[in-house]
């Protein structure tokens, strides 16, 4: 599922995010959403979230 719409993402959802320093390589990190950081209803590069591990990134996939 697409990670560019805020309505598709909720706390506790399993997602794959790309961290800022991995944007060029596209390396994804999987985890559970702790909180949603983007206020806008959608974002072309993905909604920014914080994972339970503390990692912050933009959602590329909802698993």
C-alpha atoms as a PDB file:
ATOM      1  CA  UNK A   1       0.000   0.000   0.000  1.00  0.00           C
ATOM      2  CA  UNK A   2       1.070   3.563  -0.676  1.00  0.00           C
ATOM      3  CA  UNK A   3       2.750   5.500   2.151  1.00  0.00           C
ATOM      4  CA  UNK A   4       2.014   8.962   0.768  1.00  0.00           C
ATOM      5  CA  UNK A   5      -1.492   9.239   2.317  1.00  0.00           C
ATOM      6  CA  UNK A   6      -1.752   9.938   6.052  1.00  0.00           C
ATOM      7  CA  UNK A   7      -5.150   8.193   6.286  1.00  0.00           C
ATOM      8  CA  UNK A   8      -3.507   4.839   5.380  1.00  0.00           C
ATOM      9  CA  UNK A   9      -1.102   4.977   8.346  1.00  0.00           C
ATOM     10  CA  UNK A  10      -1.897   4.516  12.021  1.00  0.00           C
ATOM     11  CA  UNK A  11       0.082   3.979  15.225  1.00  0.00           C
ATOM     12  CA  UNK A  12       1.099   0.336  15.507  1.00  0.00           C
ATOM     13  CA  UNK A  13       1.101  -0.273  11.739  1.00  0.00           C
ATOM     14  CA  UNK A  14       4.038  -2.234  10.297  1.00  0.00           C
ATOM     15  CA  UNK A  15       5.812  -0.113   7.674  1.00  0.00           C
ATOM     16  CA  UNK A  16       9.038   0.178   5.685  1.00  0.00           C
ATOM     17  CA  UNK A  17      10.634   3.635   5.860  1.00  0.00           C
ATOM     18  CA  UNK A  18      13.604   5.309   4.193  1.00  0.00           C
ATOM     19  CA  UNK A  19      15.786   7.372   6.544  1.00  0.00           C
ATOM     20  CA  UNK A  20      17.155  10.748   5.434  1.00  0.00           C
ATOM     21  CA  UNK A  21      20.726   9.463   5.019  1.00  0.00           C
ATOM     22  CA  UNK A  22      19.525   6.437   3.000  1.00  0.00           C
ATOM     23  CA  UNK A  23      17.448   8.398   0.468  1.00  0.00           C
ATOM     24  CA  UNK A  24      20.046   8.051  -2.315  1.00  0.00           C
ATOM     25  CA  UNK A  25      20.476   4.293  -1.871  1.00  0.00           C
ATOM     26  CA  UNK A  26      16.796   3.696  -1.107  1.00  0.00           C
ATOM     27  CA  UNK A  27      17.625   1.344   1.787  1.00  0.00           C
ATOM     28  CA  UNK A  28      14.432   0.548   3.713  1.00  0.00           C
ATOM     29  CA  UNK A  29      14.042  -0.034   7.444  1.00  0.00           C
ATOM     30  CA  UNK A  30      11.050  -2.010   8.751  1.00  0.00           C
ATOM     31  CA  UNK A  31       9.291  -1.298  12.037  1.00  0.00           C
ATOM     32  CA  UNK A  32       6.119  -0.351  13.863  1.00  0.00           C
ATOM     33  CA  UNK A  33       4.791   3.222  13.815  1.00  0.00           C
ATOM     34  CA  UNK A  34       5.053   4.967  17.188  1.00  0.00           C
ATOM     35  CA  UNK A  35       3.770   8.346  15.992  1.00  0.00           C
ATOM     36  CA  UNK A  36       3.024  10.238  12.781  1.00  0.00           C
ATOM     37  CA  UNK A  37       5.097  13.405  12.327  1.00  0.00           C
ATOM     38  CA  UNK A  38       3.576  14.804   9.097  1.00  0.00           C
ATOM     39  CA  UNK A  39       0.446  16.908   9.644  1.00  0.00           C
ATOM     40  CA  UNK A  40      -0.547  17.200   5.972  1.00  0.00           C
ATOM     41  CA  UNK A  41      -3.119  14.682   4.615  1.00  0.00           C
ATOM     42  CA  UNK A  42      -0.612  13.531   1.968  1.00  0.00           C
ATOM     43  CA  UNK A  43       3.017  14.035   0.949  1.00  0.00           C
ATOM     44  CA  UNK A  44       4.615  13.085  -2.407  1.00  0.00           C
ATOM     45  CA  UNK A  45       7.754  11.559  -0.789  1.00  0.00           C
ATOM     46  CA  UNK A  46       5.883   9.675   1.937  1.00  0.00           C
ATOM     47  CA  UNK A  47       4.473  10.502   5.364  1.00  0.00           C
ATOM     48  CA  UNK A  48       7.182  11.064   7.988  1.00  0.00           C
ATOM     49  CA  UNK A  49       6.838   8.798  11.019  1.00  0.00           C
ATOM     50  CA  UNK A  50       8.779   7.769  14.108  1.00  0.00           C
ATOM     51  CA  UNK A  51       9.127   4.032  14.650  1.00  0.00           C
ATOM     52  CA  UNK A  52       9.011   2.356  18.079  1.00  0.00           C
ATOM     53  CA  UNK A  53      12.815   1.944  17.779  1.00  0.00           C
ATOM     54  CA  UNK A  54      13.172   5.759  17.595  1.00  0.00           C
ATOM     55  CA  UNK A  55      14.085   5.809  13.878  1.00  0.00           C
ATOM     56  CA  UNK A  56      12.503   8.646  11.872  1.00  0.00           C
ATOM     57  CA  UNK A  57      11.814   8.230   8.175  1.00  0.00           C
ATOM     58  CA  UNK A  58       9.321   8.544   5.343  1.00  0.00           C
ATOM     59  CA  UNK A  59       6.940   5.651   4.716  1.00  0.00           C
ATOM     60  CA  UNK A  60       7.568   3.908   1.391  1.00  0.00           C
ATOM     61  CA  UNK A  61       5.479   0.780   2.017  1.00  0.00           C
ATOM     62  CA  UNK A  62       2.756  -0.296   4.426  1.00  0.00           C
ATOM     63  CA  UNK A  63       3.279  -3.990   5.168  1.00  0.00           C
END
